[in-house]
C-alpha atoms as a PDB file:
ATOM      1  CA  MET A   1     -22.230 -32.300 -18.846  1.00  0.00           C
ATOM      2  CA  ALA A   2     -22.054 -29.122 -20.918  1.00  0.00           C
ATOM      3  CA  ASP A   3     -22.993 -31.076 -24.073  1.00  0.00           C
ATOM      4  CA  ILE A   4     -26.045 -32.847 -22.680  1.00  0.00           C
ATOM      5  CA  GLU A   5     -28.579 -29.997 -22.444  1.00  0.00           C
ATOM      6  CA  PRO A   6     -27.825 -28.675 -25.972  1.00  0.00           C
ATOM      7  CA  THR A   7     -28.090 -32.234 -27.293  1.00  0.00           C
ATOM      8  CA  TRP A   8     -31.546 -32.627 -25.742  1.00  0.00           C
ATOM      9  CA  LYS A   9     -32.647 -29.289 -27.226  1.00  0.00           C
ATOM     10  CA  ALA A  10     -31.290 -30.218 -30.663  1.00  0.00           C
ATOM     11  CA  MET A  11     -33.263 -33.458 -30.570  1.00  0.00           C
ATOM     12  CA  LEU A  12     -36.472 -31.694 -29.592  1.00  0.00           C
ATOM     13  CA  THR A  13     -36.133 -29.116 -32.386  1.00  0.00           C
ATOM     14  CA  ASN A  14     -35.173 -31.666 -35.043  1.00  0.00           C
ATOM     15  CA  PRO A  15     -37.885 -31.628 -37.752  1.00  0.00           C
ATOM     16  CA  ARG A  16     -37.979 -35.457 -37.721  1.00  0.00           C
ATOM     17  CA  PHE A  17     -38.740 -35.542 -33.981  1.00  0.00           C
ATOM     18  CA  ARG A  18     -42.158 -36.869 -32.949  1.00  0.00           C
ATOM     19  CA  PRO A  19     -43.423 -36.838 -29.348  1.00  0.00           C
ATOM     20  CA  GLY A  20     -43.409 -40.364 -27.973  1.00  0.00           C
ATOM     21  CA  MET A  21     -40.701 -41.719 -30.291  1.00  0.00           C
ATOM     22  CA  ASN A  22     -38.263 -44.142 -28.673  1.00  0.00           C
ATOM     23  CA  VAL A  23     -34.708 -43.050 -27.853  1.00  0.00           C
ATOM     24  CA  LEU A  24     -31.371 -44.847 -27.959  1.00  0.00           C
ATOM     25  CA  TRP A  25     -28.255 -43.493 -26.248  1.00  0.00           C
ATOM     26  CA  ASP A  26     -25.105 -45.122 -27.616  1.00  0.00           C
ATOM     27  CA  PHE A  27     -22.124 -45.041 -25.252  1.00  0.00           C
ATOM     28  CA  ARG A  28     -20.078 -47.735 -27.003  1.00  0.00           C
ATOM     29  CA  LYS A  29     -17.369 -45.284 -28.050  1.00  0.00           C
ATOM     30  CA  GLY A  30     -17.524 -43.094 -24.963  1.00  0.00           C
ATOM     31  CA  THR A  31     -14.268 -41.927 -23.422  1.00  0.00           C
ATOM     32  CA  HIS A  32     -15.124 -39.396 -20.691  1.00  0.00           C
ATOM     33  CA  ALA A  33     -17.279 -41.320 -18.199  1.00  0.00           C
ATOM     34  CA  ILE A  34     -14.704 -40.824 -15.472  1.00  0.00           C
ATOM     35  CA  GLU A  35     -15.800 -37.180 -15.355  1.00  0.00           C
ATOM     36  CA  PHE A  36     -19.351 -38.053 -14.244  1.00  0.00           C
ATOM     37  CA  SER A  37     -20.322 -38.071 -10.577  1.00  0.00           C
ATOM     38  CA  SER A  38     -23.503 -39.510  -9.107  1.00  0.00           C
ATOM     39  CA  GLY A  39     -24.710 -35.889  -8.829  1.00  0.00           C
ATOM     40  CA  ASP A  40     -24.142 -35.438 -12.560  1.00  0.00           C
ATOM     41  CA  ILE A  41     -26.185 -38.564 -13.252  1.00  0.00           C
ATOM     42  CA  GLN A  42     -28.982 -37.212 -11.055  1.00  0.00           C
ATOM     43  CA  ASN A  43     -28.855 -33.920 -12.994  1.00  0.00           C
ATOM     44  CA  ILE A  44     -29.208 -35.819 -16.285  1.00  0.00           C
ATOM     45  CA  VAL A  45     -32.224 -37.633 -14.831  1.00  0.00           C
ATOM     46  CA  SER A  46     -33.704 -34.258 -13.840  1.00  0.00           C
ATOM     47  CA  MET A  47     -33.124 -32.905 -17.368  1.00  0.00           C
ATOM     48  CA  THR A  48     -34.762 -36.018 -18.800  1.00  0.00           C
ATOM     49  CA  ALA A  49     -37.776 -35.540 -16.518  1.00  0.00           C
ATOM     50  CA  GLU A  50     -38.083 -31.877 -17.594  1.00  0.00           C
ATOM     51  CA  HIS A  51     -38.003 -32.780 -21.266  1.00  0.00           C
ATOM     52  CA  ILE A  52     -40.870 -35.246 -20.825  1.00  0.00           C
ATOM     53  CA  LYS A  53     -43.145 -32.198 -21.002  1.00  0.00           C
ATOM     54  CA  GLN A  54     -42.064 -31.737 -24.637  1.00  0.00           C
ATOM     55  CA  ARG A  55     -41.446 -35.387 -25.547  1.00  0.00           C
ATOM     56  CA  GLY A  56     -44.391 -37.040 -23.899  1.00  0.00           C
ATOM     57  CA  ALA A  57     -43.975 -39.914 -21.442  1.00  0.00           C
ATOM     58  CA  GLN A  58     -44.967 -42.883 -23.579  1.00  0.00           C
ATOM     59  CA  TYR A  59     -41.617 -43.986 -24.922  1.00  0.00           C
ATOM     60  CA  LYS A  60     -38.684 -46.271 -24.276  1.00  0.00           C
ATOM     61  CA  LEU A  61     -35.126 -45.188 -23.581  1.00  0.00           C
ATOM     62  CA  ALA A  62     -32.415 -47.749 -24.366  1.00  0.00           C
ATOM     63  CA  LEU A  63     -28.848 -47.157 -23.206  1.00  0.00           C
ATOM     64  CA  VAL A  64     -26.106 -49.193 -24.907  1.00  0.00           C
ATOM     65  CA  ALA A  65     -22.765 -49.480 -23.120  1.00  0.00           C
ATOM     66  CA  THR A  66     -20.148 -52.148 -23.727  1.00  0.00           C
ATOM     67  CA  LYS A  67     -17.507 -50.770 -21.333  1.00  0.00           C
ATOM     68  CA  ASP A  68     -18.036 -51.609 -17.667  1.00  0.00           C
ATOM     69  CA  LEU A  69     -17.739 -48.009 -16.467  1.00  0.00           C
ATOM     70  CA  PHE A  70     -20.347 -46.710 -18.938  1.00  0.00           C
ATOM     71  CA  PHE A  71     -22.559 -49.729 -18.258  1.00  0.00           C
ATOM     72  CA  GLY A  72     -22.429 -48.996 -14.514  1.00  0.00           C
ATOM     73  CA  LEU A  73     -23.192 -45.302 -15.016  1.00  0.00           C
ATOM     74  CA  SER A  74     -26.069 -46.242 -17.322  1.00  0.00           C
ATOM     75  CA  LYS A  75     -27.454 -48.612 -14.685  1.00  0.00           C
ATOM     76  CA  MET A  76     -27.160 -45.778 -12.149  1.00  0.00           C
ATOM     77  CA  PHE A  77     -29.100 -43.503 -14.519  1.00  0.00           C
ATOM     78  CA  ALA A  78     -31.794 -46.185 -14.907  1.00  0.00           C
ATOM     79  CA  ALA A  79     -32.020 -46.587 -11.122  1.00  0.00           C
ATOM     80  CA  TYR A  80     -32.260 -42.834 -10.481  1.00  0.00           C
ATOM     81  CA  GLY A  81     -34.709 -42.554 -13.385  1.00  0.00           C
ATOM     82  CA  ASP A  82     -37.022 -45.174 -11.916  1.00  0.00           C
ATOM     83  CA  GLU A  83     -39.457 -42.411 -10.927  1.00  0.00           C
ATOM     84  CA  ILE A  84     -39.604 -40.965 -14.456  1.00  0.00           C
ATOM     85  CA  PRO A  85     -42.675 -42.328 -16.286  1.00  0.00           C
ATOM     86  CA  ILE A  86     -40.672 -43.863 -19.158  1.00  0.00           C
ATOM     87  CA  ASP A  87     -39.292 -47.342 -19.649  1.00  0.00           C
ATOM     88  CA  ILE A  88     -35.480 -47.240 -19.286  1.00  0.00           C
ATOM     89  CA  ARG A  89     -33.288 -50.281 -19.982  1.00  0.00           C
ATOM     90  CA  VAL A  90     -29.526 -50.749 -20.249  1.00  0.00           C
ATOM     91  CA  PHE A  91     -27.930 -53.114 -22.774  1.00  0.00           C
ATOM     92  CA  ARG A  92     -24.452 -54.316 -23.639  1.00  0.00           C
ATOM     93  CA  SER A  93     -25.297 -54.949 -27.300  1.00  0.00           C
ATOM     94  CA  MET A  94     -26.887 -52.731 -29.928  1.00  0.00           C
ATOM     95  CA  GLU A  95     -28.830 -55.702 -31.314  1.00  0.00           C
ATOM     96  CA  GLU A  96     -30.542 -56.377 -27.973  1.00  0.00           C
ATOM     97  CA  ALA A  97     -31.375 -52.705 -27.541  1.00  0.00           C
ATOM     98  CA  LEU A  98     -32.867 -52.412 -31.022  1.00  0.00           C
ATOM     99  CA  ASP A  99     -34.847 -55.638 -30.546  1.00  0.00           C
ATOM    100  CA  TRP A 100     -36.313 -54.225 -27.338  1.00  0.00           C
ATOM    101  CA  LEU A 101     -37.062 -50.812 -28.851  1.00  0.00           C
ATOM    102  CA  ASN A 102     -38.759 -52.381 -31.873  1.00  0.00           C
ATOM    103  CA  ALA A 103     -40.647 -55.109 -29.986  1.00  0.00           C
ATOM    104  CA  ASP A 104     -43.890 -53.145 -29.680  1.00  0.00           C
ATOM    105  CA  SER A 105     -43.872 -51.953 -33.282  1.00  0.00           C
ATOM    106  CA  SER A 106     -43.293 -55.448 -34.670  1.00  0.00           C
ATOM    107  CA  LEU A 107     -46.057 -56.769 -32.408  1.00  0.00           C
ATOM    108  CA  LYS A 108     -48.401 -54.032 -33.694  1.00  0.00           C
ATOM    109  CA  GLN A 109     -47.438 -54.823 -37.292  1.00  0.00           C
ATOM    110  CA  SER A 110     -48.157 -58.537 -36.819  1.00  0.00           C
ATOM    111  CA  VAL A 111     -51.521 -57.787 -35.187  1.00  0.00           C
ATOM    112  CA  HIS A 112     -52.536 -55.441 -38.024  1.00  0.00           C
ATOM    113  CA  SER A 113     -51.282 -57.713 -40.832  1.00  0.00           C
END
């Protein structure tokens, strides 16, 4: 939990950051999920909601988790985050997540081509 808030702040101050850009959280190599409680997940959702003020609300958040425990925690985050005005989806494969994140941009490219 101590790493999450600084990570959000680092993302928001990154010079390549643009409000509204899609986000991917990669938990495929995670090892400490056992330390998270449902209260921790709710706190992460609250942090995410707070950062919408800086990020903007028009973006997608993909969570990639191959291990069952991380997948379940990610699904819990998505369920708690249902009231946040962003589109949150959980995937088991990076390819599916990237396809989903890029779906709108490839549709826009094909319409403008």
